[in-house]
Amino acid sequence: MSDDSSKSKQFKDLFFDKSSQATDVGKLTVNPFRWMRFNWQLVLKKLGWLALSIFLMVMLHWIFVLMVAGFAFHIFWYCFKVYHTYQNGDVNPGKVISLHPTLVAVSTNMTKGFGNFPVMTIIKTTLPEKERVLGKIIVTAATYHDNPHGYPFWAEFHPMPMSHATGDELYLFNRLSRFSKEQIGTIDRHLEQLGHQWPGIFKMDVADSDWKDYPQVILAKGVKMAGPPKGA
């Protein structure tokens, strides 16, 4: 392992689950200016809070330096999260299912290696003009976060369009060509099963998968999901 990879692993262990292994790793370096273009509202919000804390520190009292440090660390952490998602995240196909607003559906399996825990996530996002086509398959990258109860599945799944990070059409085309018909078909099957189109994360195939053994788990609660029933 090279020094660069060792450093990357240290950062990954600090911010994310050590045991998380992507099936198809993104290995994509983020173009920050492109990412800000598609997430400008979020960027302005975070920078606005930082600017306000700096203003309070300068105009009112030095104690607000703690607020400045807090927001600065939050921005650093979020930037690293975005970097990690595209560099080490799991690549999955997504399908554009709405244009007003722009919604993308992504299916995955939340298993940690044992069991079958299929889910569908629908995200509200922005897309470049070439991808804003109803029914279009796009490339996404996602991170998974662990649950606090030792369950055999992840608690959270956060996909992002890879076109937010790069405008390299050849890279995106090559990624698209690696998706199987089964992966694409799973999205359509899950959409039909779901029967609606609003943002959120949803269990799929509940009666025919291992989700039936975890009725108490609400995925929308993420890492705050309920633990095993007492006495179980």
Protein backbone atom coordinates (compact mmCIF):
# COMPACT_ATOMS: atom_id res chain seq x y z
CA MET A 1 0.00 0.00 0.00
CA SER A 2 1.40 3.39 -1.00
CA ASP A 3 1.59 6.42 1.28
CA ASP A 4 -1.31 8.08 -0.58
CA SER A 5 -3.57 5.06 -0.14
CA SER A 6 -2.61 4.79 3.53
CA LYS A 7 -3.54 8.43 4.04
CA SER A 8 -6.85 7.91 2.22
CA LYS A 9 -7.63 4.91 4.45
CA GLN A 10 -6.90 6.95 7.59
CA PHE A 11 -9.34 9.66 6.49
CA LYS A 12 -11.91 7.04 5.52
CA ASP A 13 -11.66 5.35 8.92
CA LEU A 14 -12.04 8.72 10.65
CA PHE A 15 -15.25 9.75 8.93
CA PHE A 16 -16.88 6.53 7.70
CA ASP A 17 -17.41 2.88 8.55
CA LYS A 18 -14.18 0.88 8.43
CA SER A 19 -16.03 -2.27 7.34
CA SER A 20 -17.88 -0.63 4.43
CA GLN A 21 -16.71 -2.02 1.09
CA ALA A 22 -18.23 -0.71 -2.14
CA THR A 23 -19.18 -3.30 -4.75
CA ASP A 24 -18.21 -0.99 -7.62
CA VAL A 25 -15.94 1.82 -6.44
CA GLY A 26 -16.27 5.25 -8.07
CA LYS A 27 -12.58 6.26 -8.10
CA LEU A 28 -13.59 9.69 -9.39
CA THR A 29 -11.89 12.94 -8.40
CA VAL A 30 -14.45 15.70 -7.88
CA ASN A 31 -14.35 18.85 -10.01
CA PRO A 32 -15.23 21.31 -7.20
CA PHE A 33 -16.46 24.06 -9.53
CA ARG A 34 -18.82 21.66 -11.31
CA TRP A 35 -20.08 20.30 -8.01
CA MET A 36 -20.78 23.81 -6.72
CA ARG A 37 -22.63 24.60 -9.97
CA PHE A 38 -25.17 21.85 -9.30
CA ASN A 39 -25.33 22.41 -5.55
CA TRP A 40 -25.08 26.19 -5.37
CA GLN A 41 -28.00 26.62 -2.96
CA LEU A 42 -26.40 24.27 -0.45
CA VAL A 43 -23.01 25.96 -0.90
CA LEU A 44 -24.48 29.43 -0.33
CA LYS A 45 -26.32 28.22 2.78
CA LYS A 46 -23.19 26.78 4.37
CA LEU A 47 -21.02 29.76 3.43
CA GLY A 48 -23.75 32.12 4.64
CA TRP A 49 -23.71 30.61 8.13
CA LEU A 50 -19.90 30.81 8.18
CA ALA A 51 -20.00 34.47 7.08
CA LEU A 52 -22.58 35.28 9.76
CA SER A 53 -20.45 33.69 12.49
CA ILE A 54 -17.39 35.67 11.31
CA PHE A 55 -19.47 38.87 11.36
CA LEU A 56 -20.63 38.18 14.93
CA MET A 57 -17.06 37.45 16.01
CA VAL A 58 -15.73 40.71 14.55
CA MET A 59 -18.60 42.98 15.53
CA LEU A 60 -19.77 41.58 18.88
CA HIS A 61 -17.38 39.34 20.78
CA TRP A 62 -14.41 37.04 20.26
CA ILE A 63 -16.36 34.18 21.86
CA PHE A 64 -18.05 33.69 18.47
CA VAL A 65 -14.74 32.26 17.27
CA LEU A 66 -16.13 28.96 18.57
CA MET A 67 -19.04 29.29 16.16
CA VAL A 68 -16.62 30.14 13.34
CA ALA A 69 -14.55 27.06 14.13
CA GLY A 70 -17.66 24.90 14.28
CA PHE A 71 -19.00 26.00 10.89
CA ALA A 72 -15.53 25.81 9.34
CA PHE A 73 -15.12 22.22 10.53
CA HIS A 74 -18.63 21.38 9.31
CA ILE A 75 -17.78 22.68 5.81
CA PHE A 76 -14.51 20.74 5.82
CA TRP A 77 -16.30 17.58 6.92
CA TYR A 78 -18.97 17.97 4.25
CA CYS A 79 -16.38 18.56 1.51
CA PHE A 80 -14.57 15.42 2.59
CA LYS A 81 -17.86 13.51 2.58
CA VAL A 82 -18.45 14.55 -1.04
CA TYR A 83 -14.87 13.61 -1.95
CA HIS A 84 -15.26 10.22 -0.27
CA THR A 85 -18.58 9.53 -2.00
CA TYR A 86 -17.14 9.88 -5.49
CA GLN A 87 -13.74 8.40 -4.75
CA ASN A 88 -14.72 5.41 -2.59
CA GLY A 89 -18.51 5.24 -2.88
CA ASP A 90 -20.60 2.48 -4.44
CA VAL A 91 -21.66 3.08 -8.05
CA ASN A 92 -25.27 2.26 -8.96
CA PRO A 93 -27.63 3.13 -11.80
CA GLY A 94 -30.33 5.70 -11.19
CA LYS A 95 -33.44 6.47 -13.23
CA VAL A 96 -34.91 9.92 -13.80
CA ILE A 97 -38.57 9.54 -12.81
CA SER A 98 -39.68 13.19 -12.64
CA LEU A 99 -38.57 16.55 -14.04
CA HIS A 100 -40.69 18.93 -11.95
CA PRO A 101 -39.13 18.47 -9.47
CA THR A 102 -36.16 16.44 -10.68
CA LEU A 103 -36.34 13.05 -8.96
CA VAL A 104 -33.97 10.10 -9.41
CA ALA A 105 -34.71 6.55 -8.21
CA VAL A 106 -31.83 4.29 -7.14
CA SER A 107 -32.08 0.66 -6.02
CA THR A 108 -29.50 -1.21 -3.97
CA ASN A 109 -29.13 -3.98 -1.41
CA MET A 110 -28.34 -2.85 2.14
CA THR A 111 -26.83 -6.20 3.11
CA LYS A 112 -23.43 -6.30 4.80
CA GLY A 113 -22.73 -9.58 3.03
CA PHE A 114 -25.26 -11.89 4.64
CA GLY A 115 -28.97 -11.66 3.96
CA ASN A 116 -31.11 -9.90 1.38
CA PHE A 117 -32.19 -6.32 2.18
CA PRO A 118 -33.29 -4.55 -1.02
CA VAL A 119 -34.23 -0.87 -0.90
CA MET A 120 -35.14 1.96 -3.22
CA THR A 121 -34.11 5.56 -2.61
CA ILE A 122 -35.69 8.48 -4.41
CA ILE A 123 -33.68 11.69 -4.27
CA LYS A 124 -34.59 15.24 -5.24
CA THR A 125 -31.64 16.68 -7.10
CA THR A 126 -30.38 18.76 -10.02
CA LEU A 127 -29.02 17.38 -13.29
CA PRO A 128 -27.22 18.68 -16.39
CA GLU A 129 -29.47 19.25 -19.40
CA LYS A 130 -28.38 16.04 -21.14
CA GLU A 131 -29.56 13.97 -18.16
CA ARG A 132 -32.81 15.81 -17.58
CA VAL A 133 -34.76 13.32 -19.68
CA LEU A 134 -37.65 11.36 -18.23
CA GLY A 135 -36.71 7.69 -17.98
CA LYS A 136 -33.00 8.28 -18.57
CA ILE A 137 -30.54 6.01 -16.73
CA ILE A 138 -27.74 7.93 -15.03
CA VAL A 139 -24.71 7.03 -12.92
CA THR A 140 -24.76 7.60 -9.15
CA ALA A 141 -22.28 7.04 -6.32
CA ALA A 142 -23.30 6.45 -2.73
CA THR A 143 -22.06 5.97 0.80
CA TYR A 144 -23.55 3.60 3.36
CA HIS A 145 -23.59 4.24 7.11
CA ASP A 146 -23.79 1.64 9.84
CA ASN A 147 -26.52 1.07 12.41
CA PRO A 148 -25.85 1.05 16.18
CA HIS A 149 -27.58 -2.29 16.83
CA GLY A 150 -25.40 -4.86 15.06
CA TYR A 151 -28.00 -5.49 12.37
CA PRO A 152 -26.74 -7.27 9.22
CA PHE A 153 -27.67 -4.28 7.05
CA TRP A 154 -26.66 -0.64 6.72
CA ALA A 155 -28.76 2.13 8.25
CA GLU A 156 -28.32 4.78 5.57
CA PHE A 157 -27.80 4.97 1.81
CA HIS A 158 -26.98 8.34 0.21
CA PRO A 159 -26.60 8.36 -3.61
CA MET A 160 -25.42 11.40 -5.60
CA PRO A 161 -25.38 11.86 -9.40
CA MET A 162 -21.84 11.41 -10.71
CA SER A 163 -22.49 14.14 -13.26
CA HIS A 164 -22.27 16.57 -10.32
CA ALA A 165 -18.59 15.70 -10.03
CA THR A 166 -17.48 15.38 -13.65
CA GLY A 167 -18.42 16.44 -17.16
CA ASP A 168 -16.33 13.69 -18.72
CA GLU A 169 -18.91 12.08 -21.02
CA LEU A 170 -16.62 9.17 -21.89
CA TYR A 171 -16.20 8.29 -18.21
CA LEU A 172 -19.95 8.45 -17.63
CA PHE A 173 -20.67 6.41 -20.78
CA ASN A 174 -18.20 3.71 -19.72
CA ARG A 175 -19.83 3.57 -16.30
CA LEU A 176 -23.28 3.30 -17.83
CA SER A 177 -22.19 0.45 -20.09
CA ARG A 178 -21.19 -1.62 -17.05
CA PHE A 179 -24.70 -1.73 -15.62
CA SER A 180 -26.53 -4.99 -16.26
CA LYS A 181 -30.08 -5.38 -17.55
CA GLU A 182 -30.90 -6.90 -14.17
CA GLN A 183 -29.81 -3.74 -12.34
CA ILE A 184 -31.95 -1.55 -14.58
CA GLY A 185 -34.86 -3.99 -14.34
CA THR A 186 -34.69 -3.91 -10.56
CA ILE A 187 -35.32 -0.15 -10.56
CA ASP A 188 -38.42 -0.56 -12.76
CA ARG A 189 -39.68 -3.46 -10.64
CA HIS A 190 -39.21 -1.52 -7.43
CA LEU A 191 -40.94 1.55 -8.86
CA GLU A 192 -43.93 -0.55 -9.83
CA GLN A 193 -43.97 -2.12 -6.38
CA LEU A 194 -43.63 1.24 -4.64
CA GLY A 195 -46.54 2.83 -6.47
CA HIS A 196 -45.55 6.46 -5.76
CA GLN A 197 -42.83 8.96 -6.55
CA TRP A 198 -41.76 11.02 -3.57
CA PRO A 199 -38.31 11.36 -1.96
CA GLY A 200 -37.27 8.89 0.73
CA ILE A 201 -35.80 5.45 1.32
CA PHE A 202 -38.09 2.44 1.19
CA LYS A 203 -37.85 -1.29 1.94
CA MET A 204 -38.53 -3.48 -1.09
CA ASP A 205 -39.71 -7.11 -1.44
CA VAL A 206 -40.53 -7.13 2.28
CA ALA A 207 -42.44 -10.42 2.21
CA ASP A 208 -39.79 -12.21 0.14
CA SER A 209 -36.61 -10.80 1.68
CA ASP A 210 -34.98 -10.72 5.10
CA TRP A 211 -36.74 -7.43 5.89
CA LYS A 212 -39.64 -9.55 7.18
CA ASP A 213 -37.51 -10.36 10.23
CA TYR A 214 -37.08 -6.65 11.09
CA PRO A 215 -40.57 -5.08 11.14
CA GLN A 216 -39.47 -2.60 13.82
CA VAL A 217 -36.86 -1.00 11.57
CA ILE A 218 -37.81 2.29 9.91
CA LEU A 219 -35.10 3.17 7.39
CA ALA A 220 -36.11 6.84 7.30
CA LYS A 221 -34.77 7.15 10.87
CA GLY A 222 -31.28 6.20 9.66
CA VAL A 223 -28.82 5.47 12.46
CA LYS A 224 -31.58 6.38 14.95
CA MET A 225 -33.63 3.37 13.84
CA ALA A 226 -35.21 1.21 16.54
CA GLY A 227 -33.17 -1.56 18.15
CA PRO A 228 -34.19 -5.21 18.55
CA PRO A 229 -37.35 -5.80 20.64
CA LYS A 230 -36.67 -6.46 24.33
CA GLY A 231 -36.17 -10.14 25.00
CA ALA A 232 -35.34 -10.90 21.36
